[in-house]
Amino acid sequence: MKLTFQRTHAKPVDYHMKKIVKKLLVNSKGTPRPLVKFLLFDELSKCRPFFRWAVYGSDHLVRSPLRKWVMLETQNPTIHVLNKWPDERRQMIDRGDLENVKKISIISKQQTLFVADLLKTHLDSFGFFTSVESTFSSETSSDLFLVICPQVFERLPPPRKRIVFQMEQSISSRWFTREYINILYNSIAIFDYAKCNKEFLITKKIPENQIFYVPLAPLNKSNNTENESGFRSSPHKVSDVLFYGDFKNKRRQTYLKELKKHFNVRIETNLFGAALYEAIAQTKVVVNIHYYEGAILESTRVCECLSLGATVVSEMSSNQGEHLDWEEMVTFTPVGDVQAMIEAIRNCLKEGMQLQSIPEQPAFQMRFKLLEAFRALNIEPSKF
């Protein structure tokens, strides 16, 4: 009788050892554990000479568990008296190193493509040659890179060619990790959509002259039946109410549970681009509900909807009045008052659907603030 044995595919011991070593060295985010960081790296995150053997392999490359973190840290040293970036940045601006900028690449994930489109529209009108990319490549021959939400990218442009657009809410400091603050600090400039965020970043020792308030604004996308972002107006409205965004939040869940008792509510948590614009087009009212009680206005979502001619009902915000150039286009209700939002939606539905009329871009303060920031950096647009 012939005996047959089932072949097993056990992983080698080396594989399991590497996994154990990796867990000992770094946490789930790839950041070295505190003791490891203290032993292997100095105040500027440079490898201590005695421990080069532990950080670098025989091929002189950083060992894989630490590679991603070391790449970012080397490019973005911590805020420290030995970090001379603020002086280098100021000298670079004063010398006029940026005055010949012509080609700008905007780097954006799909979640922030509306902001990328908005920035591209303004920068094109200033006379720059602008493109939108999903990742950074050293092969891209751009004079300058504008990175939206830089903390979500594994690779970033070098500090000397990088402006970042900061889009987190400072009401919750948990988003502002040490690594993220270092990325902001080691950039030519930080554009921020809210004034209170700027004040918060200053408390984190980022120089005030490095931070520029650049509020968002609607962008007219509803004039064409189908534009480059894939929006198509839909005469048939499938839903009364649409909410899109993070739904893993008790506050939002409570609101939407109440709204569902009165309206046909559609909830989308992972919809972007053309599919999202189609959903907005098929909805009578879009609601904006804060993640936090005292939140800054989610101007990205609100402006994205207004840009498509949508009717928007939103809770009031902690920075109410900061967007006087377009706030009157939104129906606001008191924070935490679900019944007030229900009544506001009812009123909107009774009045019927009327496409919002978006003024020309020069009417919005975003254009002027963006131009002001570029001039402060000695970047002079060719069309002015």
Protein backbone atom coordinates (compact mmCIF):
# COMPACT_ATOMS: atom_id res chain seq x y z
CA MET A 1 0.00 0.00 0.00
CA LYS A 2 1.33 3.38 -1.00
CA LEU A 3 1.41 5.93 1.75
CA THR A 4 0.79 9.57 0.87
CA PHE A 5 1.50 12.48 3.12
CA GLN A 6 -0.18 15.87 2.91
CA ARG A 7 2.40 18.57 2.35
CA THR A 8 2.27 21.35 4.90
CA HIS A 9 3.25 24.92 4.16
CA ALA A 10 4.54 26.01 7.55
CA LYS A 11 6.21 29.37 7.54
CA PRO A 12 9.92 29.36 8.41
CA VAL A 13 11.10 30.24 11.90
CA ASP A 14 12.77 33.38 10.52
CA TYR A 15 9.38 34.73 9.46
CA HIS A 16 7.93 34.41 12.95
CA MET A 17 11.06 35.86 14.54
CA LYS A 18 10.86 38.91 12.25
CA LYS A 19 7.24 39.46 13.28
CA ILE A 20 8.18 39.29 16.97
CA VAL A 21 11.12 41.69 16.50
CA LYS A 22 8.90 44.10 14.58
CA LYS A 23 6.32 44.14 17.38
CA LEU A 24 9.07 44.80 19.92
CA LEU A 25 10.52 47.69 17.89
CA VAL A 26 7.44 49.54 16.60
CA ASN A 27 3.75 49.99 17.36
CA SER A 28 0.88 49.30 14.96
CA LYS A 29 1.42 52.68 13.26
CA GLY A 30 5.06 51.93 12.51
CA THR A 31 6.38 54.37 15.13
CA PRO A 32 9.29 53.15 17.30
CA ARG A 33 8.31 52.43 20.88
CA PRO A 34 9.46 55.13 23.37
CA LEU A 35 12.41 53.17 24.80
CA VAL A 36 13.57 52.13 21.32
CA LYS A 37 13.35 55.73 20.11
CA PHE A 38 15.29 56.99 23.12
CA LEU A 39 18.07 54.43 22.72
CA LEU A 40 18.50 54.50 18.94
CA PHE A 41 17.85 58.14 18.03
CA ASP A 42 18.86 61.60 19.26
CA GLU A 43 16.67 64.72 19.73
CA LEU A 44 16.45 65.31 15.96
CA SER A 45 15.63 61.65 15.31
CA LYS A 46 19.08 60.98 13.88
CA CYS A 47 20.51 57.54 14.52
CA ARG A 48 23.02 57.44 17.39
CA PRO A 49 26.42 56.24 15.99
CA PHE A 50 26.72 53.41 18.53
CA PHE A 51 23.42 51.89 17.36
CA ARG A 52 23.85 52.17 13.58
CA TRP A 53 24.08 48.36 13.44
CA ALA A 54 20.58 48.12 14.92
CA VAL A 55 19.02 50.64 12.51
CA TYR A 56 20.89 49.83 9.29
CA GLY A 57 21.41 46.42 7.69
CA SER A 58 24.49 45.12 5.86
CA ASP A 59 23.15 46.71 2.67
CA HIS A 60 23.32 50.13 4.44
CA LEU A 61 19.54 50.51 4.16
CA VAL A 62 17.28 51.16 7.16
CA ARG A 63 15.85 47.91 8.47
CA SER A 64 12.28 47.35 7.22
CA PRO A 65 10.37 47.76 10.54
CA LEU A 66 11.84 51.27 10.96
CA ARG A 67 12.13 52.32 7.29
CA LYS A 68 8.90 54.26 6.83
CA TRP A 69 9.29 56.19 10.10
CA VAL A 70 12.98 57.01 9.53
CA MET A 71 12.22 58.32 6.02
CA LEU A 72 9.61 60.73 7.36
CA GLU A 73 11.64 61.72 10.41
CA THR A 74 14.79 62.39 8.39
CA GLN A 75 12.82 64.70 6.13
CA ASN A 76 10.80 66.23 8.98
CA PRO A 77 12.99 66.65 12.11
CA THR A 78 11.29 67.52 15.38
CA ILE A 79 10.84 71.08 16.61
CA HIS A 80 14.11 71.76 18.39
CA VAL A 81 16.70 74.50 18.81
CA LEU A 82 19.03 72.45 16.60
CA ASN A 83 16.46 72.31 13.80
CA LYS A 84 17.41 75.27 11.59
CA TRP A 85 14.54 74.90 9.13
CA PRO A 86 12.76 78.18 10.14
CA ASP A 87 15.96 80.15 9.36
CA GLU A 88 16.55 78.27 6.10
CA ARG A 89 12.92 78.83 5.09
CA ARG A 90 13.10 82.57 5.75
CA GLN A 91 16.37 82.92 3.80
CA MET A 92 14.88 80.95 0.92
CA ILE A 93 11.85 83.28 0.74
CA ASP A 94 13.93 86.45 1.13
CA ARG A 95 16.29 85.36 -1.67
CA GLY A 96 13.31 84.90 -3.96
CA ASP A 97 13.95 81.18 -4.53
CA LEU A 98 10.24 80.68 -5.25
CA GLU A 99 9.64 83.64 -7.54
CA ASN A 100 10.07 81.51 -10.69
CA VAL A 101 7.46 78.91 -9.72
CA LYS A 102 5.36 78.09 -12.79
CA LYS A 103 4.28 74.46 -12.42
CA ILE A 104 2.43 73.31 -9.30
CA SER A 105 1.30 69.76 -8.48
CA ILE A 106 -1.57 69.34 -6.03
CA ILE A 107 -1.39 66.00 -4.20
CA SER A 108 -4.70 64.71 -2.89
CA LYS A 109 -6.46 61.51 -1.87
CA GLN A 110 -9.92 60.89 -3.34
CA GLN A 111 -11.58 62.10 -0.11
CA THR A 112 -10.30 65.64 -0.71
CA LEU A 113 -10.61 65.88 -4.50
CA PHE A 114 -13.12 68.71 -4.17
CA VAL A 115 -10.51 70.81 -2.36
CA ALA A 116 -7.96 69.87 -5.04
CA ASP A 117 -10.37 70.97 -7.79
CA LEU A 118 -11.05 74.20 -5.93
CA LEU A 119 -7.35 74.99 -5.53
CA LYS A 120 -6.62 74.07 -9.14
CA THR A 121 -9.34 76.45 -10.38
CA HIS A 122 -7.79 79.36 -8.48
CA LEU A 123 -4.18 78.51 -9.30
CA ASP A 124 -5.01 78.12 -13.01
CA SER A 125 -6.65 81.54 -12.94
CA PHE A 126 -3.47 82.96 -11.39
CA GLY A 127 -1.51 81.75 -14.40
CA PHE A 128 0.14 78.63 -12.95
CA PHE A 129 0.28 75.28 -14.77
CA THR A 130 -1.48 73.04 -12.28
CA SER A 131 -2.06 69.29 -12.08
CA VAL A 132 -3.72 67.03 -9.51
CA GLU A 133 -1.91 63.83 -8.48
CA SER A 134 -2.87 61.02 -6.09
CA THR A 135 0.71 60.41 -4.89
CA PHE A 136 4.09 62.11 -4.86
CA SER A 137 6.73 60.96 -7.31
CA SER A 138 10.26 62.31 -7.42
CA GLU A 139 9.99 61.99 -11.21
CA THR A 140 7.28 64.69 -11.35
CA SER A 141 8.94 67.82 -12.70
CA SER A 142 7.00 70.41 -10.69
CA ASP A 143 8.43 73.58 -9.18
CA LEU A 144 6.16 73.28 -6.13
CA PHE A 145 3.86 70.72 -4.50
CA LEU A 146 0.70 71.54 -2.56
CA VAL A 147 -0.19 68.53 -0.37
CA ILE A 148 -3.70 68.24 1.06
CA CYS A 149 -3.76 66.33 4.39
CA PRO A 150 -0.04 65.43 4.25
CA GLN A 151 -0.24 63.03 7.21
CA VAL A 152 -2.07 60.41 5.09
CA PHE A 153 0.79 59.97 2.60
CA GLU A 154 3.72 57.58 2.96
CA ARG A 155 5.97 59.72 0.75
CA LEU A 156 6.09 63.50 0.75
CA PRO A 157 7.85 66.11 -1.39
CA PRO A 158 11.00 67.62 0.18
CA PRO A 159 10.40 70.57 2.56
CA ARG A 160 11.89 73.11 0.12
CA LYS A 161 9.24 72.30 -2.48
CA ARG A 162 6.27 71.62 -0.19
CA ILE A 163 3.26 73.62 0.94
CA VAL A 164 0.70 71.69 3.02
CA PHE A 165 -3.05 72.22 3.43
CA GLN A 166 -3.99 71.32 7.02
CA MET A 167 -7.60 70.08 7.31
CA GLU A 168 -7.96 68.55 10.78
CA GLN A 169 -10.07 70.13 13.55
CA SER A 170 -8.04 71.48 16.45
CA ILE A 171 -11.03 70.95 18.75
CA SER A 172 -9.57 67.44 19.13
CA SER A 173 -5.80 67.45 19.61
CA ARG A 174 -5.61 63.67 19.10
CA TRP A 175 -5.21 64.20 15.35
CA PHE A 176 -2.14 66.38 15.89
CA THR A 177 0.46 63.74 16.63
CA ARG A 178 4.12 64.58 17.07
CA GLU A 179 4.84 63.19 13.59
CA TYR A 180 2.09 65.31 12.00
CA ILE A 181 3.25 68.49 13.74
CA ASN A 182 6.77 67.82 12.46
CA ILE A 183 5.50 67.52 8.87
CA LEU A 184 3.70 70.85 9.21
CA TYR A 185 6.71 72.53 10.83
CA ASN A 186 9.11 71.37 8.11
CA SER A 187 7.09 72.78 5.20
CA ILE A 188 7.44 76.09 3.35
CA ALA A 189 3.95 77.08 4.42
CA ILE A 190 0.80 75.74 6.05
CA PHE A 191 -2.58 76.67 4.60
CA ASP A 192 -5.46 76.21 7.05
CA TYR A 193 -9.20 76.57 6.51
CA ALA A 194 -10.05 77.85 10.03
CA LYS A 195 -8.73 80.74 12.12
CA CYS A 196 -8.87 78.81 15.40
CA ASN A 197 -6.68 76.08 13.89
CA LYS A 198 -4.04 78.70 13.17
CA GLU A 199 -4.11 79.82 16.80
CA PHE A 200 -3.80 76.19 17.93
CA LEU A 201 -0.77 75.53 15.70
CA ILE A 202 0.99 78.59 17.13
CA THR A 203 0.67 76.99 20.59
CA LYS A 204 2.50 73.99 19.12
CA LYS A 205 5.53 76.25 18.43
CA ILE A 206 4.95 76.59 14.71
CA PRO A 207 5.97 80.14 13.64
CA GLU A 208 2.99 82.40 12.97
CA ASN A 209 4.45 83.67 9.69
CA GLN A 210 4.44 80.10 8.37
CA ILE A 211 0.64 79.65 8.76
CA PHE A 212 -1.87 81.17 6.33
CA TYR A 213 -5.64 81.29 6.74
CA VAL A 214 -7.14 80.09 3.45
CA PRO A 215 -10.91 79.51 3.88
CA LEU A 216 -12.75 77.26 1.46
CA ALA A 217 -15.55 78.37 -0.85
CA PRO A 218 -18.09 76.85 -3.24
CA LEU A 219 -17.05 76.15 -6.81
CA ASN A 220 -19.63 76.41 -9.57
CA LYS A 221 -20.13 72.85 -10.85
CA SER A 222 -23.85 72.95 -11.56
CA ASN A 223 -23.77 74.99 -14.77
CA ASN A 224 -22.86 71.99 -16.95
CA THR A 225 -24.91 68.81 -17.24
CA GLU A 226 -21.70 66.84 -16.95
CA ASN A 227 -18.37 68.33 -15.92
CA GLU A 228 -14.89 66.94 -15.35
CA SER A 229 -15.79 65.73 -11.85
CA GLY A 230 -18.59 63.56 -13.23
CA PHE A 231 -21.59 65.45 -11.83
CA ARG A 232 -24.89 64.97 -13.66
CA SER A 233 -27.99 66.84 -12.53
CA SER A 234 -30.87 64.47 -11.83
CA PRO A 235 -34.49 65.58 -12.11
CA HIS A 236 -35.56 62.43 -10.22
CA LYS A 237 -34.91 62.71 -6.48
CA VAL A 238 -34.57 59.31 -4.82
CA SER A 239 -34.01 60.45 -1.21
CA ASP A 240 -35.36 63.24 1.00
CA VAL A 241 -32.15 63.53 3.01
CA LEU A 242 -28.52 62.52 2.42
CA PHE A 243 -25.78 62.30 5.02
CA TYR A 244 -22.27 61.34 3.95
CA GLY A 245 -19.16 61.00 6.11
CA ASP A 246 -18.02 59.10 9.19
CA PHE A 247 -21.02 57.35 10.76
CA LYS A 248 -19.08 55.66 13.60
CA ASN A 249 -20.03 58.40 16.00
CA LYS A 250 -22.75 58.26 18.66
CA ARG A 251 -23.69 61.90 18.19
CA ARG A 252 -24.33 61.52 14.45
CA GLN A 253 -26.09 58.18 14.94
CA THR A 254 -28.51 59.77 17.43
CA TYR A 255 -29.30 62.62 15.01
CA LEU A 256 -29.84 60.34 12.02
CA LYS A 257 -32.00 57.90 14.01
CA GLU A 258 -34.41 60.78 14.71
CA LEU A 259 -34.31 62.05 11.12
CA LYS A 260 -35.22 58.57 9.84
CA LYS A 261 -38.52 58.76 11.78
CA HIS A 262 -39.60 61.66 9.55
CA PHE A 263 -37.77 61.36 6.22
CA ASN A 264 -36.35 58.94 3.70
CA VAL A 265 -32.68 59.17 4.76
CA ARG A 266 -29.72 57.91 2.76
CA ILE A 267 -26.40 57.37 4.57
CA GLU A 268 -23.12 56.99 2.69
CA THR A 269 -19.82 56.37 4.45
CA ASN A 270 -17.47 55.43 1.61
CA LEU A 271 -18.60 57.27 -1.49
CA PHE A 272 -16.37 59.67 -3.45
CA GLY A 273 -16.05 61.47 -6.75
CA ALA A 274 -18.64 60.89 -9.48
CA ALA A 275 -20.61 58.34 -7.42
CA LEU A 276 -20.93 60.80 -4.53
CA TYR A 277 -21.96 63.65 -6.85
CA GLU A 278 -24.62 61.39 -8.35
CA ALA A 279 -25.95 60.67 -4.84
CA ILE A 280 -26.07 64.41 -4.05
CA ALA A 281 -27.89 65.05 -7.34
CA GLN A 282 -30.52 62.43 -6.42
CA THR A 283 -31.19 63.95 -2.98
CA LYS A 284 -33.48 66.80 -1.98
CA VAL A 285 -31.56 67.96 1.12
CA VAL A 286 -28.02 67.24 2.34
CA VAL A 287 -27.46 67.47 6.11
CA ASN A 288 -24.22 68.41 7.86
CA ILE A 289 -24.01 67.01 11.40
CA HIS A 290 -20.97 67.68 13.57
CA TYR A 291 -18.72 64.90 14.82
CA TYR A 292 -17.99 66.98 17.95
CA GLU A 293 -20.37 69.17 19.96
CA GLY A 294 -18.32 72.36 19.53
CA ALA A 295 -16.99 71.61 16.07
CA ILE A 296 -15.63 73.95 13.43
CA LEU A 297 -17.90 74.08 10.38
CA GLU A 298 -17.17 71.18 8.02
CA SER A 299 -16.70 73.63 5.17
CA THR A 300 -15.32 71.00 2.79
CA ARG A 301 -18.58 69.04 2.84
CA VAL A 302 -20.79 72.13 2.84
CA CYS A 303 -18.94 73.84 -0.03
CA GLU A 304 -18.82 70.62 -2.03
CA CYS A 305 -22.63 70.36 -1.82
CA LEU A 306 -23.22 74.05 -2.55
CA SER A 307 -20.96 73.71 -5.58
CA LEU A 308 -23.39 71.18 -7.02
CA GLY A 309 -26.41 73.40 -6.35
CA ALA A 310 -27.59 71.24 -3.43
CA THR A 311 -29.81 72.42 -0.57
CA VAL A 312 -27.83 72.15 2.69
CA VAL A 313 -29.08 72.10 6.27
CA SER A 314 -26.31 72.25 8.88
CA GLU A 315 -25.79 72.67 12.59
CA MET A 316 -24.26 75.99 13.56
CA SER A 317 -20.54 75.90 14.32
CA SER A 318 -18.01 77.28 16.79
CA ASN A 319 -16.62 79.50 14.00
CA GLN A 320 -20.01 80.75 12.81
CA GLY A 321 -19.68 84.02 10.90
CA GLU A 322 -16.26 83.14 9.47
CA HIS A 323 -17.77 82.52 6.02
CA LEU A 324 -20.01 85.53 5.51
CA ASP A 325 -19.41 85.33 1.75
CA TRP A 326 -21.46 82.12 1.46
CA GLU A 327 -23.05 81.24 4.85
CA GLU A 328 -26.41 82.69 3.79
CA MET A 329 -26.64 79.92 1.18
CA VAL A 330 -26.96 77.37 4.04
CA THR A 331 -29.88 76.79 6.44
CA PHE A 332 -28.36 76.65 9.93
CA THR A 333 -29.94 75.15 13.07
CA PRO A 334 -28.78 75.36 16.72
CA VAL A 335 -26.14 72.83 17.81
CA GLY A 336 -27.66 69.69 19.33
CA ASP A 337 -31.25 70.65 18.44
CA VAL A 338 -32.53 67.70 16.38
CA GLN A 339 -36.10 69.02 16.30
CA ALA A 340 -34.91 72.32 14.83
CA MET A 341 -33.14 70.40 12.07
CA ILE A 342 -36.28 68.35 11.38
CA GLU A 343 -38.30 71.56 11.00
CA ALA A 344 -35.65 73.13 8.78
CA ILE A 345 -35.66 70.09 6.49
CA ARG A 346 -39.48 70.14 6.34
CA ASN A 347 -39.41 73.79 5.32
CA CYS A 348 -36.83 73.10 2.60
CA LEU A 349 -38.92 70.23 1.24
CA LYS A 350 -42.06 72.41 1.20
CA GLU A 351 -40.30 75.20 -0.65
CA GLY A 352 -39.22 72.75 -3.35
CA MET A 353 -35.83 72.25 -4.92
CA GLN A 354 -34.05 75.35 -6.15
CA LEU A 355 -30.48 75.11 -7.42
CA GLN A 356 -28.15 77.40 -5.50
CA SER A 357 -26.72 80.16 -7.66
CA ILE A 358 -22.95 80.26 -7.17
CA PRO A 359 -21.31 83.67 -7.74
CA GLU A 360 -18.12 84.01 -9.77
CA GLN A 361 -14.99 82.96 -7.86
CA PRO A 362 -13.64 86.52 -7.28
CA ALA A 363 -16.63 87.11 -4.97
CA PHE A 364 -15.23 84.69 -2.39
CA GLN A 365 -12.53 85.54 0.16
CA MET A 366 -10.64 82.29 -0.56
CA ARG A 367 -9.23 83.79 -3.75
CA PHE A 368 -7.86 86.85 -2.00
CA LYS A 369 -6.43 84.86 0.93
CA LEU A 370 -4.71 82.44 -1.44
CA LEU A 371 -3.22 85.28 -3.43
CA GLU A 372 -2.10 86.99 -0.21
CA ALA A 373 -0.34 83.80 0.94
CA PHE A 374 1.51 83.34 -2.35
CA ARG A 375 2.73 86.91 -2.36
CA ALA A 376 3.97 86.56 1.24
CA LEU A 377 6.09 83.64 -0.01
CA ASN A 378 7.47 85.75 -2.88
CA ILE A 379 5.51 83.68 -5.41
CA GLU A 380 4.05 86.20 -7.83
CA PRO A 381 1.27 84.87 -10.12
CA SER A 382 1.82 85.76 -13.78
CA LYS A 383 -1.73 87.07 -14.30
CA PHE A 384 -1.49 89.83 -11.67
